[in-house]
Amino acid sequence: MYKLKILKTNYVTHDVKRFILEKPEDKDFEYTPGQAAHLSVNKPGWEDQKRPFTFTSLQSWPEVEFTIKIYEKHEGVTNEIGKLKPGDEILLHDIFDTIKYRGPGIFLAGGTGVNPFVAIFRALKASNNLRNVALIYSNKTQDDIIYGRELHELLGNAFLNVFTRQGVIGFKERHIDRDFLIQNIGEFNLNFYVCGPKKFTTDLTEDLISLGANPNSISF
């Protein structure tokens, strides 16, 4: 377990907060894009309340970054994390795999499910391998997009946003579903990466397989 001191925090959307943490000096502290860690708050009564969060930083960075959605109304772990300030500590218990990059393909994200993809895209950019990848990203509204400007700079026209509740005149509700996949992808002999809420992931994985995607080419 590592005690990571918070160096900086800021909101990236109205309810998603970025945490910059002090990186352990331990040379065995290693992680790769797409991996996550169980975190808890280093305060009495909260030390063993662990939740999984994905790294959005890279191993090569001098600090560690997590990007966490804060659920204030739940009065749970993320609400407690949201109260933390620079100088407070987060406990990192273990590191584990979530999604591994297996080559160019289509990334499908819902909400904070974009976080492992952010790390993967940053790593691909750093190694000059950001080619033949595209991101389709579903959120309620434009205000919910996480790292939207950076993703647009990284991916350009290969970054497509889908909004389910955008409150503007003329807005038509859209979801990433089977019909959407047919209209916007059309070709399914590709690698697919799916991350988001459980129903989002389950439904899209089933849709992709029904459209001809190889189950072994789908990471979720």
C-alpha atoms as a PDB file:
ATOM      1  CA  MET A   1       0.000   0.000   0.000  1.00  0.00           C
ATOM      2  CA  TYR A   2       1.160   3.528  -0.784  1.00  0.00           C
ATOM      3  CA  LYS A   3       0.240   6.817   0.879  1.00  0.00           C
ATOM      4  CA  LEU A   4      -0.033   9.410  -1.876  1.00  0.00           C
ATOM      5  CA  LYS A   5      -0.090  13.055  -0.873  1.00  0.00           C
ATOM      6  CA  ILE A   6      -2.413  15.285  -2.889  1.00  0.00           C
ATOM      7  CA  LEU A   7      -0.503  18.065  -4.648  1.00  0.00           C
ATOM      8  CA  LYS A   8      -3.329  19.687  -6.606  1.00  0.00           C
ATOM      9  CA  THR A   9      -7.033  19.277  -7.370  1.00  0.00           C
ATOM     10  CA  ASN A  10      -9.372  20.907  -9.865  1.00  0.00           C
ATOM     11  CA  TYR A  11     -12.722  20.236 -11.479  1.00  0.00           C
ATOM     12  CA  VAL A  12     -12.652  19.195 -15.144  1.00  0.00           C
ATOM     13  CA  THR A  13     -16.464  19.124 -15.342  1.00  0.00           C
ATOM     14  CA  HIS A  14     -19.175  20.156 -12.865  1.00  0.00           C
ATOM     15  CA  ASP A  15     -18.909  16.809 -11.023  1.00  0.00           C
ATOM     16  CA  VAL A  16     -15.608  15.262 -12.148  1.00  0.00           C
ATOM     17  CA  LYS A  17     -12.447  16.180 -10.290  1.00  0.00           C
ATOM     18  CA  ARG A  18      -8.790  15.767 -11.208  1.00  0.00           C
ATOM     19  CA  PHE A  19      -6.312  14.775  -8.510  1.00  0.00           C
ATOM     20  CA  ILE A  20      -2.563  15.209  -8.932  1.00  0.00           C
ATOM     21  CA  LEU A  21      -0.730  13.041  -6.394  1.00  0.00           C
ATOM     22  CA  GLU A  22       2.852  12.710  -5.274  1.00  0.00           C
ATOM     23  CA  LYS A  23       4.488   9.770  -7.036  1.00  0.00           C
ATOM     24  CA  PRO A  24       6.102   7.142  -4.777  1.00  0.00           C
ATOM     25  CA  GLU A  25       9.885   6.932  -4.976  1.00  0.00           C
ATOM     26  CA  ASP A  26       9.631   3.122  -4.862  1.00  0.00           C
ATOM     27  CA  LYS A  27      11.046   1.809  -8.160  1.00  0.00           C
ATOM     28  CA  ASP A  28       8.562  -1.085  -7.990  1.00  0.00           C
ATOM     29  CA  PHE A  29       5.663   1.352  -8.324  1.00  0.00           C
ATOM     30  CA  GLU A  30       4.644   0.754 -11.934  1.00  0.00           C
ATOM     31  CA  TYR A  31       1.454   0.896 -13.959  1.00  0.00           C
ATOM     32  CA  THR A  32       0.471   0.892 -17.630  1.00  0.00           C
ATOM     33  CA  PRO A  33      -2.231   2.743 -19.624  1.00  0.00           C
ATOM     34  CA  GLY A  34      -5.599   1.130 -18.986  1.00  0.00           C
ATOM     35  CA  GLN A  35      -4.741  -0.107 -15.504  1.00  0.00           C
ATOM     36  CA  ALA A  36      -6.604   0.912 -12.365  1.00  0.00           C
ATOM     37  CA  ALA A  37      -6.029   0.940  -8.610  1.00  0.00           C
ATOM     38  CA  HIS A  38      -8.117   0.484  -5.484  1.00  0.00           C
ATOM     39  CA  LEU A  39      -8.063   3.769  -3.577  1.00  0.00           C
ATOM     40  CA  SER A  40      -9.307   4.876  -0.182  1.00  0.00           C
ATOM     41  CA  VAL A  41      -9.135   8.009   1.949  1.00  0.00           C
ATOM     42  CA  ASN A  42      -6.474   8.212   4.658  1.00  0.00           C
ATOM     43  CA  LYS A  43      -8.879   9.359   7.363  1.00  0.00           C
ATOM     44  CA  PRO A  44     -10.302   7.483  10.367  1.00  0.00           C
ATOM     45  CA  GLY A  45     -13.102   5.150   9.308  1.00  0.00           C
ATOM     46  CA  TRP A  46     -12.352   5.480   5.589  1.00  0.00           C
ATOM     47  CA  GLU A  47      -9.017   3.644   5.231  1.00  0.00           C
ATOM     48  CA  ASP A  48     -10.629   0.317   4.285  1.00  0.00           C
ATOM     49  CA  GLN A  49     -13.408   1.765   2.110  1.00  0.00           C
ATOM     50  CA  LYS A  50     -11.723   0.928  -1.199  1.00  0.00           C
ATOM     51  CA  ARG A  51     -13.024   1.792  -4.677  1.00  0.00           C
ATOM     52  CA  PRO A  52     -11.487   1.209  -8.143  1.00  0.00           C
ATOM     53  CA  PHE A  53     -10.291   4.162 -10.233  1.00  0.00           C
ATOM     54  CA  THR A  54      -8.320   4.229 -13.461  1.00  0.00           C
ATOM     55  CA  PHE A  55      -5.025   6.055 -13.877  1.00  0.00           C
ATOM     56  CA  THR A  56      -5.213   8.927 -16.348  1.00  0.00           C
ATOM     57  CA  SER A  57      -1.501   9.702 -15.979  1.00  0.00           C
ATOM     58  CA  LEU A  58       1.408   7.845 -17.554  1.00  0.00           C
ATOM     59  CA  GLN A  59       4.194   5.991 -15.785  1.00  0.00           C
ATOM     60  CA  SER A  60       6.714   8.446 -17.258  1.00  0.00           C
ATOM     61  CA  TRP A  61       5.051  11.449 -15.583  1.00  0.00           C
ATOM     62  CA  PRO A  62       6.587  12.899 -12.406  1.00  0.00           C
ATOM     63  CA  GLU A  63       3.209  12.729 -10.640  1.00  0.00           C
ATOM     64  CA  VAL A  64       0.183  10.422 -10.523  1.00  0.00           C
ATOM     65  CA  GLU A  65      -3.211  11.551 -11.840  1.00  0.00           C
ATOM     66  CA  PHE A  66      -6.697  10.209 -11.204  1.00  0.00           C
ATOM     67  CA  THR A  67      -9.870  11.727 -12.643  1.00  0.00           C
ATOM     68  CA  ILE A  68     -12.834  10.895 -10.419  1.00  0.00           C
ATOM     69  CA  LYS A  69     -16.567  11.534 -10.618  1.00  0.00           C
ATOM     70  CA  ILE A  70     -17.795  12.918  -7.297  1.00  0.00           C
ATOM     71  CA  TYR A  71     -21.199  11.718  -6.071  1.00  0.00           C
ATOM     72  CA  GLU A  72     -21.969  14.234  -3.331  1.00  0.00           C
ATOM     73  CA  LYS A  73     -25.518  13.009  -2.681  1.00  0.00           C
ATOM     74  CA  HIS A  74     -24.379   9.436  -1.995  1.00  0.00           C
ATOM     75  CA  GLU A  75     -22.275  10.481   1.026  1.00  0.00           C
ATOM     76  CA  GLY A  76     -19.885   7.658   0.145  1.00  0.00           C
ATOM     77  CA  VAL A  77     -16.262   7.265  -0.853  1.00  0.00           C
ATOM     78  CA  THR A  78     -16.235   9.655  -3.820  1.00  0.00           C
ATOM     79  CA  ASN A  79     -18.004  12.314  -1.760  1.00  0.00           C
ATOM     80  CA  GLU A  80     -15.264  11.957   0.847  1.00  0.00           C
ATOM     81  CA  ILE A  81     -12.557  12.050  -1.842  1.00  0.00           C
ATOM     82  CA  GLY A  82     -14.149  15.196  -3.219  1.00  0.00           C
ATOM     83  CA  LYS A  83     -13.574  16.969   0.111  1.00  0.00           C
ATOM     84  CA  LEU A  84      -9.825  16.307   0.051  1.00  0.00           C
ATOM     85  CA  LYS A  85      -7.401  19.177  -0.381  1.00  0.00           C
ATOM     86  CA  PRO A  86      -3.692  19.502  -1.185  1.00  0.00           C
ATOM     87  CA  GLY A  87      -1.723  17.967   1.672  1.00  0.00           C
ATOM     88  CA  ASP A  88      -4.326  15.269   2.380  1.00  0.00           C
ATOM     89  CA  GLU A  89      -3.514  11.642   1.544  1.00  0.00           C
ATOM     90  CA  ILE A  90      -5.091   8.956  -0.602  1.00  0.00           C
ATOM     91  CA  LEU A  91      -4.232   5.309   0.027  1.00  0.00           C
ATOM     92  CA  LEU A  92      -3.395   3.213  -3.037  1.00  0.00           C
ATOM     93  CA  HIS A  93      -3.871  -0.464  -2.156  1.00  0.00           C
ATOM     94  CA  ASP A  94      -3.193  -2.393  -5.362  1.00  0.00           C
ATOM     95  CA  ILE A  95      -2.956  -2.024  -9.139  1.00  0.00           C
ATOM     96  CA  PHE A  96      -4.826  -4.233 -11.606  1.00  0.00           C
ATOM     97  CA  ASP A  97      -5.710  -4.533 -15.293  1.00  0.00           C
ATOM     98  CA  THR A  98      -8.862  -3.041 -16.757  1.00  0.00           C
ATOM     99  CA  ILE A  99      -8.339  -2.563 -20.511  1.00  0.00           C
ATOM    100  CA  LYS A 100      -5.191  -3.349 -22.475  1.00  0.00           C
ATOM    101  CA  TYR A 101      -4.392  -1.715 -25.798  1.00  0.00           C
ATOM    102  CA  ARG A 102      -4.170  -4.409 -28.474  1.00  0.00           C
ATOM    103  CA  GLY A 103      -3.805  -2.271 -31.588  1.00  0.00           C
ATOM    104  CA  PRO A 104      -5.749   0.293 -33.648  1.00  0.00           C
ATOM    105  CA  GLY A 105      -9.515   0.201 -33.423  1.00  0.00           C
ATOM    106  CA  ILE A 106     -12.720   1.874 -32.247  1.00  0.00           C
ATOM    107  CA  PHE A 107     -13.114   3.066 -28.647  1.00  0.00           C
ATOM    108  CA  LEU A 108     -16.637   3.332 -27.217  1.00  0.00           C
ATOM    109  CA  ALA A 109     -16.956   5.188 -23.912  1.00  0.00           C
ATOM    110  CA  GLY A 110     -19.760   6.227 -21.612  1.00  0.00           C
ATOM    111  CA  GLY A 111     -19.154   8.933 -18.994  1.00  0.00           C
ATOM    112  CA  THR A 112     -16.071   8.303 -16.854  1.00  0.00           C
ATOM    113  CA  GLY A 113     -15.514   5.137 -18.881  1.00  0.00           C
ATOM    114  CA  VAL A 114     -13.349   7.366 -21.065  1.00  0.00           C
ATOM    115  CA  ASN A 115     -10.626   7.514 -18.401  1.00  0.00           C
ATOM    116  CA  PRO A 116      -8.624   4.410 -19.375  1.00  0.00           C
ATOM    117  CA  PHE A 117      -8.851   5.545 -22.986  1.00  0.00           C
ATOM    118  CA  VAL A 118      -7.431   8.956 -22.066  1.00  0.00           C
ATOM    119  CA  ALA A 119      -4.331   7.244 -20.682  1.00  0.00           C
ATOM    120  CA  ILE A 120      -4.053   5.007 -23.754  1.00  0.00           C
ATOM    121  CA  PHE A 121      -4.355   7.944 -26.175  1.00  0.00           C
ATOM    122  CA  ARG A 122      -1.795   9.955 -24.212  1.00  0.00           C
ATOM    123  CA  ALA A 123       0.629   7.031 -24.364  1.00  0.00           C
ATOM    124  CA  LEU A 124       0.069   6.532 -28.091  1.00  0.00           C
ATOM    125  CA  LYS A 125       0.675  10.238 -28.694  1.00  0.00           C
ATOM    126  CA  ALA A 126       3.889  10.139 -26.660  1.00  0.00           C
ATOM    127  CA  SER A 127       5.190   7.211 -28.729  1.00  0.00           C
ATOM    128  CA  ASN A 128       4.001   8.659 -32.085  1.00  0.00           C
ATOM    129  CA  ASN A 129       1.606   5.735 -32.558  1.00  0.00           C
ATOM    130  CA  LEU A 130      -1.713   7.588 -32.414  1.00  0.00           C
ATOM    131  CA  ARG A 131      -2.989   6.270 -35.746  1.00  0.00           C
ATOM    132  CA  ASN A 132      -6.120   4.486 -36.926  1.00  0.00           C
ATOM    133  CA  VAL A 133      -8.014   4.936 -33.674  1.00  0.00           C
ATOM    134  CA  ALA A 134     -11.376   6.606 -33.138  1.00  0.00           C
ATOM    135  CA  LEU A 135     -13.428   7.476 -30.069  1.00  0.00           C
ATOM    136  CA  ILE A 136     -17.209   7.538 -29.836  1.00  0.00           C
ATOM    137  CA  TYR A 137     -18.080   9.112 -26.500  1.00  0.00           C
ATOM    138  CA  SER A 138     -21.542   9.180 -24.906  1.00  0.00           C
ATOM    139  CA  ASN A 139     -22.552  11.715 -22.252  1.00  0.00           C
ATOM    140  CA  LYS A 140     -25.754  13.313 -21.024  1.00  0.00           C
ATOM    141  CA  THR A 141     -24.756  16.801 -22.181  1.00  0.00           C
ATOM    142  CA  GLN A 142     -21.793  18.717 -23.561  1.00  0.00           C
ATOM    143  CA  ASP A 143     -20.972  19.874 -20.022  1.00  0.00           C
ATOM    144  CA  ASP A 144     -20.233  16.266 -19.023  1.00  0.00           C
ATOM    145  CA  ILE A 145     -17.390  15.715 -21.513  1.00  0.00           C
ATOM    146  CA  ILE A 146     -14.157  14.845 -19.702  1.00  0.00           C
ATOM    147  CA  TYR A 147     -10.975  16.291 -21.259  1.00  0.00           C
ATOM    148  CA  GLY A 148     -12.941  17.236 -24.375  1.00  0.00           C
ATOM    149  CA  ARG A 149     -10.455  19.806 -25.675  1.00  0.00           C
ATOM    150  CA  GLU A 150      -7.498  17.477 -25.261  1.00  0.00           C
ATOM    151  CA  LEU A 151      -9.322  14.561 -26.894  1.00  0.00           C
ATOM    152  CA  HIS A 152     -10.232  16.767 -29.846  1.00  0.00           C
ATOM    153  CA  GLU A 153      -6.594  17.866 -30.179  1.00  0.00           C
ATOM    154  CA  LEU A 154      -5.429  14.248 -30.038  1.00  0.00           C
ATOM    155  CA  LEU A 155      -8.040  12.685 -32.317  1.00  0.00           C
ATOM    156  CA  GLY A 156      -9.461  15.459 -34.498  1.00  0.00           C
ATOM    157  CA  ASN A 157     -12.316  14.186 -36.654  1.00  0.00           C
ATOM    158  CA  ALA A 158     -11.900  10.723 -35.155  1.00  0.00           C
ATOM    159  CA  PHE A 159     -13.557  12.030 -31.962  1.00  0.00           C
ATOM    160  CA  LEU A 160     -17.369  11.780 -32.057  1.00  0.00           C
ATOM    161  CA  ASN A 161     -19.614  12.956 -29.212  1.00  0.00           C
ATOM    162  CA  VAL A 162     -23.081  11.564 -28.568  1.00  0.00           C
ATOM    163  CA  PHE A 163     -25.471  13.309 -26.177  1.00  0.00           C
ATOM    164  CA  THR A 164     -28.466  11.679 -24.521  1.00  0.00           C
ATOM    165  CA  ARG A 165     -30.044  14.703 -22.770  1.00  0.00           C
ATOM    166  CA  GLN A 166     -28.657  17.858 -24.328  1.00  0.00           C
ATOM    167  CA  GLY A 167     -31.115  20.615 -23.434  1.00  0.00           C
ATOM    168  CA  VAL A 168     -30.959  22.802 -26.531  1.00  0.00           C
ATOM    169  CA  ILE A 169     -33.509  23.670 -29.196  1.00  0.00           C
ATOM    170  CA  GLY A 170     -33.551  21.135 -31.994  1.00  0.00           C
ATOM    171  CA  PHE A 171     -31.616  18.534 -30.034  1.00  0.00           C
ATOM    172  CA  LYS A 172     -32.399  14.942 -30.914  1.00  0.00           C
ATOM    173  CA  GLU A 173     -31.604  12.396 -28.245  1.00  0.00           C
ATOM    174  CA  ARG A 174     -29.037   9.839 -29.394  1.00  0.00           C
ATOM    175  CA  HIS A 175     -27.642   6.686 -27.870  1.00  0.00           C
ATOM    176  CA  ILE A 176     -24.822   4.433 -28.977  1.00  0.00           C
ATOM    177  CA  ASP A 177     -26.919   1.399 -29.866  1.00  0.00           C
ATOM    178  CA  ARG A 178     -27.051  -1.194 -32.631  1.00  0.00           C
ATOM    179  CA  ASP A 179     -28.517   1.197 -35.209  1.00  0.00           C
ATOM    180  CA  PHE A 180     -25.946   3.851 -34.311  1.00  0.00           C
ATOM    181  CA  LEU A 181     -23.116   1.345 -34.779  1.00  0.00           C
ATOM    182  CA  ILE A 182     -24.426   0.344 -38.205  1.00  0.00           C
ATOM    183  CA  GLN A 183     -24.758   3.963 -39.323  1.00  0.00           C
ATOM    184  CA  ASN A 184     -21.429   5.214 -37.983  1.00  0.00           C
ATOM    185  CA  ILE A 185     -19.063   2.250 -38.186  1.00  0.00           C
ATOM    186  CA  GLY A 186     -20.433  -0.215 -40.701  1.00  0.00           C
ATOM    187  CA  GLU A 187     -17.302  -2.390 -40.661  1.00  0.00           C
ATOM    188  CA  PHE A 188     -16.835  -4.753 -37.736  1.00  0.00           C
ATOM    189  CA  ASN A 189     -13.675  -6.749 -38.410  1.00  0.00           C
ATOM    190  CA  LEU A 190     -11.815  -4.334 -36.120  1.00  0.00           C
ATOM    191  CA  ASN A 191     -10.570  -4.101 -32.558  1.00  0.00           C
ATOM    192  CA  PHE A 192     -13.162  -2.615 -30.225  1.00  0.00           C
ATOM    193  CA  TYR A 193     -12.678  -1.173 -26.746  1.00  0.00           C
ATOM    194  CA  VAL A 194     -15.781  -0.622 -24.603  1.00  0.00           C
ATOM    195  CA  CYS A 195     -15.879   1.058 -21.191  1.00  0.00           C
ATOM    196  CA  GLY A 196     -18.683   2.669 -19.212  1.00  0.00           C
ATOM    197  CA  PRO A 197     -21.612   1.746 -16.976  1.00  0.00           C
ATOM    198  CA  LYS A 198     -22.382  -1.973 -16.777  1.00  0.00           C
ATOM    199  CA  LYS A 199     -25.484  -1.865 -19.017  1.00  0.00           C
ATOM    200  CA  PHE A 200     -23.662   0.311 -21.567  1.00  0.00           C
ATOM    201  CA  THR A 201     -20.798  -2.182 -21.753  1.00  0.00           C
ATOM    202  CA  THR A 202     -22.976  -5.298 -21.803  1.00  0.00           C
ATOM    203  CA  ASP A 203     -25.396  -3.999 -24.445  1.00  0.00           C
ATOM    204  CA  LEU A 204     -22.691  -2.694 -26.780  1.00  0.00           C
ATOM    205  CA  THR A 205     -20.630  -5.860 -26.514  1.00  0.00           C
ATOM    206  CA  GLU A 206     -23.690  -7.926 -27.468  1.00  0.00           C
ATOM    207  CA  ASP A 207     -24.508  -5.526 -30.330  1.00  0.00           C
ATOM    208  CA  LEU A 208     -20.962  -5.673 -31.701  1.00  0.00           C
ATOM    209  CA  ILE A 209     -20.926  -9.475 -31.666  1.00  0.00           C
ATOM    210  CA  SER A 210     -24.356  -9.615 -33.354  1.00  0.00           C
ATOM    211  CA  LEU A 211     -22.970  -7.352 -36.101  1.00  0.00           C
ATOM    212  CA  GLY A 212     -20.040  -9.651 -36.804  1.00  0.00           C
ATOM    213  CA  ALA A 213     -17.288  -8.463 -34.475  1.00  0.00           C
ATOM    214  CA  ASN A 214     -14.992 -11.211 -33.252  1.00  0.00           C
ATOM    215  CA  PRO A 215     -15.558 -11.621 -29.484  1.00  0.00           C
ATOM    216  CA  ASN A 216     -11.784 -11.939 -29.076  1.00  0.00           C
ATOM    217  CA  SER A 217     -11.336  -8.491 -30.635  1.00  0.00           C
ATOM    218  CA  ILE A 218     -13.518  -6.779 -28.027  1.00  0.00           C
ATOM    219  CA  SER A 219     -11.911  -5.450 -24.845  1.00  0.00           C
ATOM    220  CA  PHE A 220     -14.230  -4.236 -22.119  1.00  0.00           C
END
